[in-house]
Amino acid sequence: MGAALMPELPEVETVRRGLAPVMEGARFDKVEVRRGDLRWPLQKDFGTRLEGETIAGLGRRAKYLVADLSSGDVLLMHLGMSGSFRVVHERGAVIPGAYYHERNKAETHDHVVFHMSSGARVAFNDPRRFGSMKIVRRAELHEEPLLRALGPEPLGNAFDAAMLARACAGKATSIKAALSDQRVVAGLGNIYVCEALHRAGLSPRRRASTLALRSGAPHERAGRLVAAIRDVLAEAIRAGGSSLRDHKQTDGELGMFQHNFRVYDREENECPTSGCSGTIRRIVQTGRSTFYCAICQR
């Protein structure tokens, strides 16, 4: 398998669902900040601003976890390349899961530890320290540099064929590059763009502007692509995401969707499309590997 990759939307959504039962409605009884810097330095009052506050809701925006706090603050958390959360009951019993996988219990890279009133200890472990945490006022969230340029959520109601056509109209870039642009659609990354394009039968080399008609209305291929994106993300979330190297769920489980890849990392394999005689190829676009079938993806 290739090098470790940034977790994508399904992985982050899986983590959110793993954390919600022990964090939503729970209070931060104690916050241990074991080092003051992750990708960026943590705010000096990071721990004290959280202690005593309750998480009213735990959501997700693109690849960010978004915790709404009773104080009116919002805690933004990003996994980075190797970040993960380990959830343990204070009495020491790991919360089990359907695909539980025993993980390394070494606490060397546990940089931030939340002690919750739910009785859970939630440790953020990040060997590479590319993850990040930041507290922002809810009223100022729309101005937050990390979020303000993000496009619509691909599983949200605003993301449809018309929206995608508008975003891509006139773009000379490839459809692969357009979908990877977080300003066009939020949360998609290399794996799921490759998978969605294969399902939609669209070449990653195709010009993005061809998703729109001259009138600006969506071409039928835009509808196919939106449906494929929604389907592949929903399937990946149900499977718990994709475990390549670093990603694990909060209970230590390994995500299973990598077993369902049609094209990603399957160079020289037969195309799985029924009746297609093609072979999966690998090319490089904007510095990233793209996997596709040149026969059925046009």
Protein backbone atom coordinates (compact mmCIF):
# COMPACT_ATOMS: atom_id res chain seq x y z
CA MET A 1 0.00 0.00 0.00
CA GLY A 2 1.16 3.54 -0.70
CA ALA A 3 2.18 6.15 1.79
CA ALA A 4 -0.17 7.17 4.58
CA LEU A 5 -2.85 9.56 3.37
CA MET A 6 -4.88 12.34 4.89
CA PRO A 7 -8.17 11.02 6.30
CA GLU A 8 -11.07 12.01 4.07
CA LEU A 9 -14.69 12.83 4.81
CA PRO A 10 -15.86 9.24 5.56
CA GLU A 11 -13.00 8.67 7.99
CA VAL A 12 -13.71 11.94 9.82
CA GLU A 13 -17.45 11.22 9.89
CA THR A 14 -16.72 7.77 11.30
CA VAL A 15 -14.60 9.33 14.05
CA ARG A 16 -17.37 11.83 14.78
CA ARG A 17 -19.88 9.02 15.20
CA GLY A 18 -17.47 7.21 17.49
CA LEU A 19 -16.95 10.25 19.71
CA ALA A 20 -20.56 11.47 19.85
CA PRO A 21 -21.87 8.91 22.41
CA VAL A 22 -19.21 9.87 24.98
CA MET A 23 -18.81 13.58 24.20
CA GLU A 24 -22.21 15.00 23.23
CA GLY A 25 -23.99 16.25 26.32
CA ALA A 26 -20.87 15.63 28.42
CA ARG A 27 -18.76 18.18 30.30
CA PHE A 28 -15.01 18.63 30.12
CA ASP A 29 -14.07 17.77 33.71
CA LYS A 30 -10.36 18.05 33.01
CA VAL A 31 -8.25 18.84 29.95
CA GLU A 32 -4.62 17.70 29.84
CA VAL A 33 -2.47 19.59 27.36
CA ARG A 34 0.67 17.47 27.28
CA ARG A 35 2.38 19.60 24.66
CA GLY A 36 1.54 23.07 23.50
CA ASP A 37 1.92 22.58 19.78
CA LEU A 38 0.39 20.33 17.16
CA ARG A 39 0.45 21.57 13.57
CA TRP A 40 0.18 25.03 15.10
CA PRO A 41 0.59 26.14 18.73
CA LEU A 42 -2.49 25.61 20.86
CA GLN A 43 -4.03 28.72 22.37
CA LYS A 44 -2.46 29.51 25.74
CA ASP A 45 -5.84 29.30 27.48
CA PHE A 46 -6.93 26.20 25.52
CA GLY A 47 -7.46 23.92 28.51
CA THR A 48 -9.02 26.49 30.81
CA ARG A 49 -11.53 27.63 28.16
CA LEU A 50 -12.75 24.04 27.79
CA GLU A 51 -12.84 22.86 31.41
CA GLY A 52 -16.34 23.04 32.87
CA GLU A 53 -17.98 23.51 29.48
CA THR A 54 -20.48 21.06 27.98
CA ILE A 55 -20.52 19.85 24.38
CA ALA A 56 -24.00 20.66 23.07
CA GLY A 57 -23.36 18.98 19.74
CA LEU A 58 -20.55 17.33 17.82
CA GLY A 59 -20.70 17.95 14.08
CA ARG A 60 -18.44 17.88 11.06
CA ARG A 61 -17.55 20.46 8.44
CA ALA A 62 -15.53 18.99 5.57
CA LYS A 63 -12.64 17.23 7.34
CA TYR A 64 -13.02 19.16 10.60
CA LEU A 65 -14.78 17.98 13.74
CA VAL A 66 -16.87 20.82 15.15
CA ALA A 67 -17.86 20.74 18.84
CA ASP A 68 -20.44 23.34 19.92
CA LEU A 69 -19.82 24.33 23.53
CA SER A 70 -22.16 25.72 26.18
CA SER A 71 -19.95 28.84 26.42
CA GLY A 72 -20.72 29.88 22.85
CA ASP A 73 -17.31 28.72 21.72
CA VAL A 74 -16.68 26.09 19.08
CA LEU A 75 -13.81 23.59 19.23
CA LEU A 76 -12.41 22.78 15.78
CA MET A 77 -10.36 19.58 15.51
CA HIS A 78 -8.50 18.20 12.49
CA LEU A 79 -6.87 14.76 12.39
CA GLY A 80 -4.03 15.71 10.06
CA MET A 81 -2.05 12.84 8.56
CA SER A 82 -1.78 10.52 11.56
CA GLY A 83 -4.08 11.88 14.24
CA SER A 84 -6.63 9.64 15.95
CA PHE A 85 -8.77 9.57 19.06
CA ARG A 86 -8.67 6.75 21.56
CA VAL A 87 -11.74 6.44 23.78
CA VAL A 88 -11.34 4.58 27.07
CA HIS A 89 -13.62 4.35 30.08
CA GLU A 90 -11.89 5.72 33.13
CA ARG A 91 -12.05 2.25 34.64
CA GLY A 92 -9.86 1.06 31.75
CA ALA A 93 -12.29 -0.83 29.50
CA VAL A 94 -12.03 0.17 25.86
CA ILE A 95 -15.41 0.80 24.26
CA PRO A 96 -15.84 -2.17 21.89
CA GLY A 97 -16.95 -2.17 18.28
CA ALA A 98 -18.02 -4.61 15.60
CA TYR A 99 -14.56 -4.73 14.03
CA TYR A 100 -12.50 -4.08 17.15
CA HIS A 101 -8.76 -4.10 16.51
CA GLU A 102 -6.30 -3.92 19.38
CA ARG A 103 -4.21 -0.81 18.88
CA ASN A 104 -0.97 0.46 20.33
CA LYS A 105 -1.70 1.71 23.84
CA ALA A 106 1.55 3.67 24.14
CA GLU A 107 0.72 7.17 25.35
CA THR A 108 3.89 8.81 24.03
CA HIS A 109 1.96 10.67 21.35
CA ASP A 110 -1.18 11.40 23.40
CA HIS A 111 -0.86 15.18 23.16
CA VAL A 112 -4.30 16.29 24.40
CA VAL A 113 -6.49 14.25 26.75
CA PHE A 114 -10.11 15.10 27.55
CA HIS A 115 -11.61 13.70 30.77
CA MET A 116 -15.36 13.78 30.17
CA SER A 117 -18.21 13.72 32.68
CA SER A 118 -19.55 10.71 30.74
CA GLY A 119 -16.80 8.67 32.38
CA ALA A 120 -14.72 8.49 29.22
CA ARG A 121 -11.16 9.57 28.67
CA VAL A 122 -10.63 10.80 25.11
CA ALA A 123 -6.99 11.01 24.03
CA PHE A 124 -5.83 12.68 20.83
CA ASN A 125 -2.82 10.75 19.58
CA ASP A 126 -0.77 12.22 16.73
CA PRO A 127 2.77 10.94 16.06
CA ARG A 128 3.40 13.38 13.20
CA ARG A 129 1.66 16.35 14.85
CA PHE A 130 -0.03 17.47 11.62
CA GLY A 131 -3.40 17.58 13.38
CA SER A 132 -4.80 20.76 14.89
CA MET A 133 -7.20 22.09 17.51
CA LYS A 134 -8.54 25.59 17.81
CA ILE A 135 -11.26 27.31 19.84
CA VAL A 136 -13.35 29.87 17.92
CA ARG A 137 -16.33 31.97 18.96
CA ARG A 138 -19.50 30.62 17.31
CA ALA A 139 -20.48 34.14 16.22
CA GLU A 140 -17.18 34.46 14.37
CA LEU A 141 -17.15 31.00 12.79
CA HIS A 142 -18.20 32.29 9.37
CA GLU A 143 -15.02 34.39 9.30
CA GLU A 144 -12.72 31.57 10.42
CA PRO A 145 -9.92 31.24 7.81
CA LEU A 146 -9.90 27.43 8.12
CA LEU A 147 -13.56 27.20 7.08
CA ARG A 148 -14.72 30.26 5.20
CA ALA A 149 -13.55 29.20 1.72
CA LEU A 150 -15.04 25.70 1.90
CA GLY A 151 -17.61 24.64 -0.67
CA PRO A 152 -20.84 22.78 0.09
CA GLU A 153 -20.96 19.45 1.90
CA PRO A 154 -21.25 16.61 -0.66
CA LEU A 155 -23.89 14.89 1.47
CA GLY A 156 -25.84 18.09 2.09
CA ASN A 157 -28.93 19.36 0.29
CA ALA A 158 -27.04 22.24 -1.37
CA PHE A 159 -24.85 19.86 -3.35
CA ASP A 160 -26.64 18.90 -6.55
CA ALA A 161 -26.01 18.74 -10.29
CA ALA A 162 -26.89 22.40 -10.83
CA MET A 163 -24.51 23.55 -8.11
CA LEU A 164 -21.67 21.38 -9.39
CA ALA A 165 -22.21 22.60 -12.96
CA ARG A 166 -22.11 26.23 -11.82
CA ALA A 167 -18.89 25.63 -9.87
CA CYS A 168 -17.21 23.95 -12.84
CA ALA A 169 -18.53 26.08 -15.71
CA GLY A 170 -15.65 27.62 -17.61
CA LYS A 171 -12.97 25.73 -15.70
CA ALA A 172 -10.11 24.61 -17.92
CA THR A 173 -8.77 22.28 -15.22
CA SER A 174 -9.44 18.55 -15.14
CA ILE A 175 -12.53 17.18 -13.45
CA LYS A 176 -10.24 15.37 -10.98
CA ALA A 177 -8.57 18.62 -9.96
CA ALA A 178 -11.91 20.42 -9.67
CA LEU A 179 -13.39 17.81 -7.35
CA SER A 180 -10.24 17.89 -5.20
CA ASP A 181 -10.61 21.66 -4.76
CA GLN A 182 -12.21 22.23 -1.35
CA ARG A 183 -13.78 25.44 -2.67
CA VAL A 184 -15.83 23.42 -5.17
CA VAL A 185 -16.96 20.72 -2.77
CA ALA A 186 -15.80 20.22 0.81
CA GLY A 187 -14.25 17.09 2.23
CA LEU A 188 -13.48 15.09 -0.89
CA GLY A 189 -9.95 13.75 -1.28
CA ASN A 190 -7.98 11.61 -3.66
CA ILE A 191 -9.46 8.21 -2.80
CA TYR A 192 -13.13 9.05 -3.10
CA VAL A 193 -12.70 11.30 -6.13
CA CYS A 194 -11.10 8.37 -7.97
CA GLU A 195 -13.82 6.00 -6.83
CA ALA A 196 -16.70 8.37 -7.67
CA LEU A 197 -15.37 9.15 -11.16
CA HIS A 198 -15.15 5.44 -11.93
CA ARG A 199 -18.71 4.84 -10.79
CA ALA A 200 -19.91 7.77 -12.88
CA GLY A 201 -17.99 6.54 -15.95
CA LEU A 202 -16.10 9.84 -16.27
CA SER A 203 -12.43 10.19 -17.10
CA PRO A 204 -10.37 12.09 -14.52
CA ARG A 205 -8.72 13.82 -17.51
CA ARG A 206 -12.03 15.24 -18.71
CA ARG A 207 -12.25 19.02 -18.59
CA ALA A 208 -14.34 20.14 -15.60
CA SER A 209 -16.29 22.61 -17.73
CA THR A 210 -17.96 19.72 -19.58
CA LEU A 211 -20.20 19.17 -16.55
CA ALA A 212 -22.14 22.22 -17.71
CA LEU A 213 -23.98 22.95 -20.95
CA ARG A 214 -23.30 26.17 -22.83
CA SER A 215 -26.38 27.61 -21.16
CA GLY A 216 -24.84 26.91 -17.76
CA ALA A 217 -27.39 24.22 -16.99
CA PRO A 218 -26.00 20.90 -15.74
CA HIS A 219 -25.08 18.24 -18.29
CA GLU A 220 -26.52 14.82 -17.46
CA ARG A 221 -23.01 13.68 -16.53
CA ALA A 222 -23.10 16.17 -13.62
CA GLY A 223 -26.13 14.34 -12.23
CA ARG A 224 -24.36 11.00 -12.60
CA LEU A 225 -21.32 12.33 -10.79
CA VAL A 226 -23.27 13.81 -7.89
CA ALA A 227 -25.09 10.51 -7.40
CA ALA A 228 -21.80 8.59 -7.54
CA ILE A 229 -20.17 10.90 -4.97
CA ARG A 230 -23.09 10.53 -2.58
CA ASP A 231 -23.18 6.75 -3.01
CA VAL A 232 -19.48 6.15 -2.51
CA LEU A 233 -19.32 8.39 0.56
CA ALA A 234 -22.38 6.76 2.12
CA GLU A 235 -20.95 3.29 1.53
CA ALA A 236 -17.58 4.29 2.95
CA ILE A 237 -19.18 5.75 6.09
CA ARG A 238 -21.18 2.56 6.62
CA ALA A 239 -17.93 0.58 6.28
CA GLY A 240 -16.18 2.78 8.83
CA GLY A 241 -13.92 4.54 6.33
CA SER A 242 -10.76 3.27 4.68
CA SER A 243 -7.73 2.15 6.69
CA LEU A 244 -4.56 2.59 4.68
CA ARG A 245 -1.87 3.03 7.27
CA ASP A 246 -2.72 5.38 10.09
CA HIS A 247 -6.50 5.65 10.20
CA LYS A 248 -8.38 3.83 12.90
CA GLN A 249 -11.76 4.53 14.40
CA THR A 250 -12.10 5.79 17.96
CA ASP A 251 -12.55 2.29 19.37
CA GLY A 252 -9.50 0.94 17.57
CA GLU A 253 -11.45 -0.66 14.74
CA LEU A 254 -9.99 -0.65 11.28
CA GLY A 255 -12.20 0.86 8.59
CA MET A 256 -13.21 -1.68 5.98
CA PHE A 257 -13.98 0.29 2.81
CA GLN A 258 -10.53 -0.28 1.29
CA HIS A 259 -11.76 -3.81 0.53
CA ASN A 260 -14.41 -2.24 -1.73
CA PHE A 261 -12.10 -0.04 -3.80
CA ARG A 262 -12.86 -0.38 -7.49
CA VAL A 263 -9.88 1.54 -8.80
CA TYR A 264 -7.88 3.17 -6.03
CA ASP A 265 -4.47 1.49 -5.63
CA ARG A 266 -5.56 -1.25 -8.06
CA GLU A 267 -3.18 -0.49 -10.93
CA GLU A 268 -2.99 -3.30 -13.53
CA ASN A 269 -6.06 -5.05 -12.10
CA GLU A 270 -9.01 -5.80 -14.37
CA CYS A 271 -11.69 -3.13 -14.41
CA PRO A 272 -14.60 -4.29 -12.21
CA THR A 273 -17.24 -2.72 -14.46
CA SER A 274 -19.44 -5.45 -15.91
CA GLY A 275 -18.58 -6.12 -19.55
CA CYS A 276 -15.52 -3.84 -19.56
CA SER A 277 -12.26 -5.28 -20.88
CA GLY A 278 -10.13 -2.48 -19.48
CA THR A 279 -7.30 -2.51 -16.97
CA ILE A 280 -6.90 0.00 -14.16
CA ARG A 281 -4.20 2.54 -14.94
CA ARG A 282 -2.30 4.97 -12.73
CA ILE A 283 -1.39 8.50 -13.77
CA VAL A 284 -0.24 11.52 -11.80
CA GLN A 285 -2.38 14.66 -11.69
CA THR A 286 -1.48 17.74 -9.65
CA GLY A 287 1.10 15.68 -7.82
CA ARG A 288 -1.32 12.94 -6.75
CA SER A 289 -1.90 9.41 -8.06
CA THR A 290 -5.06 8.93 -10.07
CA PHE A 291 -6.45 5.45 -10.75
CA TYR A 292 -8.98 4.91 -13.54
CA CYS A 293 -10.07 2.78 -16.46
CA ALA A 294 -9.41 4.37 -19.86
CA ILE A 295 -12.02 2.11 -21.51
CA CYS A 296 -15.20 2.78 -19.51
CA GLN A 297 -14.34 6.20 -18.12
CA ARG A 298 -14.79 8.72 -20.92
